[in-house]
């Protein structure tokens, strides 16, 4: 039975084992999928040991996406553009590194949330690993404008500069958090604020009436952002759909078959709701 894992720190909260078990059952694939907690600074040694144990590949979550990119002998174009990877496939001719976060996000926004990104104004909060992974596919979806807002403006400028050639039909600019503008159709939180339990780092003025406001986290960590969105007239959405869609792209890379995501997302939401404390 082929073995895969999700590796990160922390990782115990990850729903990826459930998702990939559902994909395997749905498609008749013989595989196992678990979690591995790896020490900060120990990615290279840990991933080599995993590959030498006979595993076929892994998903990579925080804080190792930049490390995973450096381990790829072969890179997909989306990983090369992001300079971060969330998927490794341990091929004999050289490990393949990919980044499926962006296609997962776009798939969730457009298919699951029903918001076509073409012609929309989009605010991307953050310029770290999560933002790096999604900006390229966002631009390919042809929004009217994308603003990358970050606490450290230099990081936002660097991310924008790296993606400038993709912004053929899109106005793309970097901004400080306090000066990003107002009235966006789609607001995407790719910052660490939810994970850290911090307040939403932008003004509610960024939200157009009825805007889609998506936090890439899920569960309790995303709830303050969702409450903020609802309070200010937006439609809040967590990162569960993005998680399932990016997992489907990784599964296809590993197994050569594309699973159906809608039934797995429905099952995952039911699973998460069952675990939620009653108040």
Protein backbone atom coordinates (compact mmCIF):
# COMPACT_ATOMS: atom_id res chain seq x y z
CA UNK A 1 0.00 0.00 0.00
CA UNK A 2 1.47 3.35 -1.06
CA UNK A 3 2.10 5.76 1.80
CA UNK A 4 1.64 9.53 1.92
CA UNK A 5 1.61 12.03 4.80
CA UNK A 6 1.02 15.65 5.65
CA UNK A 7 3.99 17.19 7.47
CA UNK A 8 4.03 20.41 9.44
CA UNK A 9 4.30 22.05 12.84
CA UNK A 10 1.60 22.12 14.13
CA UNK A 11 -0.13 19.33 12.23
CA UNK A 12 -2.46 17.54 14.67
CA UNK A 13 -5.41 19.69 13.55
CA UNK A 14 -5.03 18.75 9.87
CA UNK A 15 -8.07 17.28 8.13
CA UNK A 16 -5.98 16.07 5.19
CA UNK A 17 -5.95 12.39 6.33
CA UNK A 18 -9.76 12.35 6.29
CA UNK A 19 -9.88 14.04 2.88
CA UNK A 20 -7.39 11.70 1.22
CA UNK A 21 -9.02 8.62 2.79
CA UNK A 22 -12.29 9.75 1.17
CA UNK A 23 -10.57 10.35 -2.17
CA UNK A 24 -8.93 6.90 -2.03
CA UNK A 25 -12.23 5.19 -1.22
CA UNK A 26 -14.02 7.10 -3.98
CA UNK A 27 -11.42 6.25 -6.65
CA UNK A 28 -10.41 2.77 -5.50
CA UNK A 29 -6.80 3.69 -4.77
CA UNK A 30 -4.70 1.53 -2.40
CA UNK A 31 -2.93 4.09 -0.22
CA UNK A 32 -2.50 5.26 3.35
CA UNK A 33 -2.20 8.85 4.55
CA UNK A 34 -1.09 10.09 7.97
CA UNK A 35 0.29 13.09 9.86
CA UNK A 36 3.90 13.81 10.82
CA UNK A 37 5.01 16.52 13.24
CA UNK A 38 8.45 17.72 12.21
CA UNK A 39 10.76 19.96 14.28
CA UNK A 40 11.40 23.54 13.13
CA UNK A 41 14.66 23.65 11.22
CA UNK A 42 14.63 19.91 10.60
CA UNK A 43 12.77 19.71 7.31
CA UNK A 44 15.57 18.51 5.02
CA UNK A 45 16.58 15.58 7.24
CA UNK A 46 12.96 14.66 8.01
CA UNK A 47 11.82 14.60 4.39
CA UNK A 48 14.84 12.53 3.32
CA UNK A 49 14.03 9.99 6.02
CA UNK A 50 10.42 9.89 4.88
CA UNK A 51 11.40 9.22 1.26
CA UNK A 52 13.96 6.58 2.30
CA UNK A 53 11.24 4.80 4.30
CA UNK A 54 9.43 4.10 1.03
CA UNK A 55 6.77 6.81 1.11
CA UNK A 56 5.60 8.05 -2.28
CA UNK A 57 5.07 11.71 -1.41
CA UNK A 58 3.85 14.26 1.08
CA UNK A 59 1.81 17.37 1.59
CA UNK A 60 3.62 20.18 3.38
CA UNK A 61 2.00 22.78 5.59
CA UNK A 62 3.30 25.61 7.78
CA UNK A 63 6.10 26.41 8.37
CA UNK A 64 7.81 24.26 5.71
CA UNK A 65 6.47 25.36 2.30
CA UNK A 66 9.58 27.38 1.42
CA UNK A 67 11.78 24.46 2.56
CA UNK A 68 9.80 22.04 0.41
CA UNK A 69 10.37 24.20 -2.65
CA UNK A 70 14.14 23.92 -2.14
CA UNK A 71 13.93 20.11 -2.07
CA UNK A 72 12.37 19.79 -5.52
CA UNK A 73 14.75 18.69 -8.27
CA UNK A 74 11.90 19.31 -10.71
CA UNK A 75 9.42 22.14 -10.25
CA UNK A 76 6.00 22.80 -11.69
CA UNK A 77 5.55 26.31 -13.09
CA UNK A 78 3.18 27.26 -10.27
CA UNK A 79 5.71 26.14 -7.66
CA UNK A 80 8.47 28.05 -9.45
CA UNK A 81 6.36 31.21 -9.46
CA UNK A 82 5.35 30.85 -5.81
CA UNK A 83 8.85 29.83 -4.71
CA UNK A 84 6.99 27.64 -2.20
CA UNK A 85 5.61 24.10 -2.42
CA UNK A 86 2.88 22.23 -0.58
CA UNK A 87 3.27 18.92 -2.47
CA UNK A 88 6.27 16.66 -3.04
CA UNK A 89 6.27 13.51 -5.14
CA UNK A 90 9.24 11.23 -4.57
CA UNK A 91 10.01 10.17 -8.14
CA UNK A 92 13.09 8.01 -8.75
CA UNK A 93 14.39 10.45 -11.37
CA UNK A 94 14.14 13.39 -8.97
CA UNK A 95 11.57 14.75 -6.56
CA UNK A 96 8.78 16.86 -8.06
CA UNK A 97 7.64 19.95 -6.12
CA UNK A 98 4.26 21.53 -6.81
CA UNK A 99 2.01 24.16 -5.25
CA UNK A 100 -1.71 23.41 -5.43
CA UNK A 101 -2.87 26.10 -2.98
CA UNK A 102 -3.75 28.64 -5.67
CA UNK A 103 -5.74 26.31 -7.91
CA UNK A 104 -7.47 25.09 -4.75
CA UNK A 105 -8.42 28.61 -3.73
CA UNK A 106 -9.66 29.61 -7.18
CA UNK A 107 -11.61 26.37 -7.50
CA UNK A 108 -13.32 26.93 -4.17
CA UNK A 109 -14.16 30.57 -4.85
CA UNK A 110 -15.49 29.97 -8.35
CA UNK A 111 -17.06 26.49 -8.17
CA UNK A 112 -18.08 26.13 -4.54
CA UNK A 113 -18.77 29.74 -3.52
CA UNK A 114 -20.09 30.67 -6.97
CA UNK A 115 -18.04 33.86 -7.40
CA UNK A 116 -16.44 34.36 -10.82
CA UNK A 117 -13.19 36.24 -10.27
CA UNK A 118 -13.00 37.74 -13.77
CA UNK A 119 -13.51 41.50 -13.54
CA UNK A 120 -13.61 41.57 -9.74
CA UNK A 121 -11.57 43.69 -7.31
CA UNK A 122 -9.61 41.38 -4.99
CA UNK A 123 -7.70 42.16 -1.80
CA UNK A 124 -5.07 39.59 -0.76
CA UNK A 125 -3.99 40.12 2.86
CA UNK A 126 -0.49 38.80 3.54
CA UNK A 127 2.66 38.15 1.54
CA UNK A 128 3.98 34.98 3.17
CA UNK A 129 3.87 31.37 2.04
CA UNK A 130 0.08 31.19 1.70
CA UNK A 131 -0.11 34.36 -0.40
CA UNK A 132 2.83 33.27 -2.55
CA UNK A 133 1.01 30.07 -3.43
CA UNK A 134 -2.25 31.68 -4.53
CA UNK A 135 -1.34 34.89 -6.35
CA UNK A 136 -0.42 33.29 -9.68
CA UNK A 137 -3.67 31.31 -10.12
CA UNK A 138 -5.62 34.35 -8.92
CA UNK A 139 -4.15 36.44 -11.74
CA UNK A 140 -4.84 33.71 -14.30
CA UNK A 141 -8.54 34.03 -13.32
CA UNK A 142 -8.41 37.63 -14.73
CA UNK A 143 -9.74 39.84 -11.94
CA UNK A 144 -9.89 43.58 -12.65
CA UNK A 145 -7.58 44.42 -9.74
CA UNK A 146 -5.53 42.59 -7.12
CA UNK A 147 -4.02 44.45 -4.18
CA UNK A 148 -1.48 42.60 -2.03
CA UNK A 149 -1.51 44.21 1.43
CA UNK A 150 1.08 43.29 4.03
CA UNK A 151 2.51 44.62 7.26
CA UNK A 152 5.98 44.60 5.73
CA UNK A 153 5.50 46.53 2.51
CA UNK A 154 8.79 45.34 0.99
CA UNK A 155 7.56 41.72 1.02
CA UNK A 156 4.36 42.74 -0.77
CA UNK A 157 6.35 44.63 -3.41
CA UNK A 158 8.62 41.61 -3.97
CA UNK A 159 5.66 39.28 -4.41
CA UNK A 160 3.96 41.66 -6.84
CA UNK A 161 7.14 42.13 -8.86
CA UNK A 162 7.59 38.38 -9.26
CA UNK A 163 4.07 38.05 -10.68
CA UNK A 164 4.02 41.18 -12.85
CA UNK A 165 4.21 39.31 -16.15
CA UNK A 166 1.01 37.39 -15.32
CA UNK A 167 -1.00 40.57 -14.69
CA UNK A 168 -1.83 41.23 -18.34
CA UNK A 169 -5.49 42.06 -17.75
CA UNK A 170 -5.23 42.92 -14.07
CA UNK A 171 -4.09 45.98 -12.16
CA UNK A 172 -1.66 44.51 -9.62
CA UNK A 173 -0.18 46.56 -6.79
CA UNK A 174 1.32 46.27 -3.33
CA UNK A 175 0.07 48.19 -0.33
CA UNK A 176 0.49 48.69 3.38
CA UNK A 177 -2.38 47.24 5.41
CA UNK A 178 -3.72 50.64 6.40
CA UNK A 179 -3.72 52.04 2.85
CA UNK A 180 -5.05 49.20 0.71
CA UNK A 181 -8.28 50.90 -0.36
CA UNK A 182 -11.96 50.07 0.03
CA UNK A 183 -14.90 48.33 -1.60
CA UNK A 184 -13.32 45.03 -2.69
CA UNK A 185 -15.56 42.29 -4.10
CA UNK A 186 -13.37 39.51 -2.69
CA UNK A 187 -11.16 39.75 0.42
CA UNK A 188 -8.75 36.85 1.05
CA UNK A 189 -6.98 36.52 4.38
CA UNK A 190 -3.64 34.77 3.79
CA UNK A 191 -1.97 36.39 6.80
CA UNK A 192 -1.02 34.68 10.05
CA UNK A 193 -3.55 36.75 12.02
CA UNK A 194 -6.11 33.96 12.43
CA UNK A 195 -3.53 31.38 13.47
CA UNK A 196 -2.13 33.83 16.01
CA UNK A 197 -5.54 34.82 17.38
CA UNK A 198 -4.94 38.45 16.36
CA UNK A 199 -7.53 40.98 15.23
CA UNK A 200 -8.37 41.28 11.54
CA UNK A 201 -5.50 43.46 10.24
CA UNK A 202 -7.53 45.67 7.85
CA UNK A 203 -10.40 48.13 8.15
CA UNK A 204 -13.96 46.90 7.41
CA UNK A 205 -14.00 49.55 4.68
CA UNK A 206 -12.22 47.01 2.47
CA UNK A 207 -15.50 45.10 2.16
CA UNK A 208 -17.96 45.99 -0.57
CA UNK A 209 -21.59 45.25 0.37
CA UNK A 210 -22.09 41.49 0.05
CA UNK A 211 -18.39 40.84 -0.58
CA UNK A 212 -16.95 37.37 -0.26
CA UNK A 213 -14.49 37.36 2.67
CA UNK A 214 -12.47 34.13 2.83
CA UNK A 215 -10.03 33.11 5.53
CA UNK A 216 -7.60 30.40 4.48
CA UNK A 217 -7.77 28.89 7.96
CA UNK A 218 -10.69 26.78 9.16
CA UNK A 219 -12.26 25.69 12.43
CA UNK A 220 -11.97 27.84 15.53
CA UNK A 221 -9.03 29.81 14.14
CA UNK A 222 -11.12 31.21 11.29
CA UNK A 223 -14.21 32.06 13.33
CA UNK A 224 -13.20 35.62 14.40
CA UNK A 225 -12.61 36.56 10.76
CA UNK A 226 -15.94 35.05 9.72
CA UNK A 227 -17.72 36.92 12.52
CA UNK A 228 -16.02 40.17 11.44
CA UNK A 229 -17.13 39.62 7.85
CA UNK A 230 -20.74 38.93 8.83
CA UNK A 231 -20.84 41.93 11.17
CA UNK A 232 -19.84 44.21 8.30
CA UNK A 233 -22.24 42.88 5.68
CA UNK A 234 -19.97 40.43 3.88
CA UNK A 235 -20.31 36.70 3.21
CA UNK A 236 -17.74 34.89 5.32
CA UNK A 237 -16.14 31.66 4.15
CA UNK A 238 -13.46 29.51 5.78
CA UNK A 239 -10.65 27.57 4.14
CA UNK A 240 -12.23 24.10 4.14
CA UNK A 241 -13.24 24.28 0.48
CA UNK A 242 -9.78 25.47 -0.50
CA UNK A 243 -8.29 22.62 1.55
CA UNK A 244 -10.36 20.00 -0.28
CA UNK A 245 -9.72 21.49 -3.72
CA UNK A 246 -5.95 21.76 -3.26
CA UNK A 247 -5.93 18.20 -1.91
CA UNK A 248 -7.71 16.98 -5.04
CA UNK A 249 -5.02 18.55 -7.22
CA UNK A 250 -2.30 16.90 -5.11
CA UNK A 251 -4.12 13.55 -5.25
CA UNK A 252 -4.26 13.77 -9.05
CA UNK A 253 -0.54 14.56 -9.18
CA UNK A 254 0.23 11.47 -7.09
CA UNK A 255 -2.35 8.99 -8.39
CA UNK A 256 -3.21 10.16 -11.90
CA UNK A 257 -6.95 10.39 -11.21
CA UNK A 258 -9.04 13.43 -10.28
CA UNK A 259 -11.48 12.80 -7.40
CA UNK A 260 -14.85 14.51 -7.01
CA UNK A 261 -14.60 17.24 -4.40
CA UNK A 262 -18.22 18.19 -3.66
CA UNK A 263 -19.17 15.04 -1.68
CA UNK A 264 -15.90 15.16 0.28
CA UNK A 265 -16.37 18.82 1.18
CA UNK A 266 -19.92 18.09 2.35
CA UNK A 267 -18.69 15.18 4.48
CA UNK A 268 -15.87 17.28 5.91
CA UNK A 269 -18.22 20.13 6.87
CA UNK A 270 -20.52 17.64 8.59
CA UNK A 271 -17.52 16.18 10.42
CA UNK A 272 -16.36 19.61 11.56
CA UNK A 273 -19.86 20.62 12.65
CA UNK A 274 -20.17 17.45 14.73
CA UNK A 275 -16.96 18.38 16.59
CA UNK A 276 -18.03 21.99 17.26
CA UNK A 277 -18.92 22.66 20.92
CA UNK A 278 -22.58 23.47 21.56
CA UNK A 279 -22.98 26.99 22.98
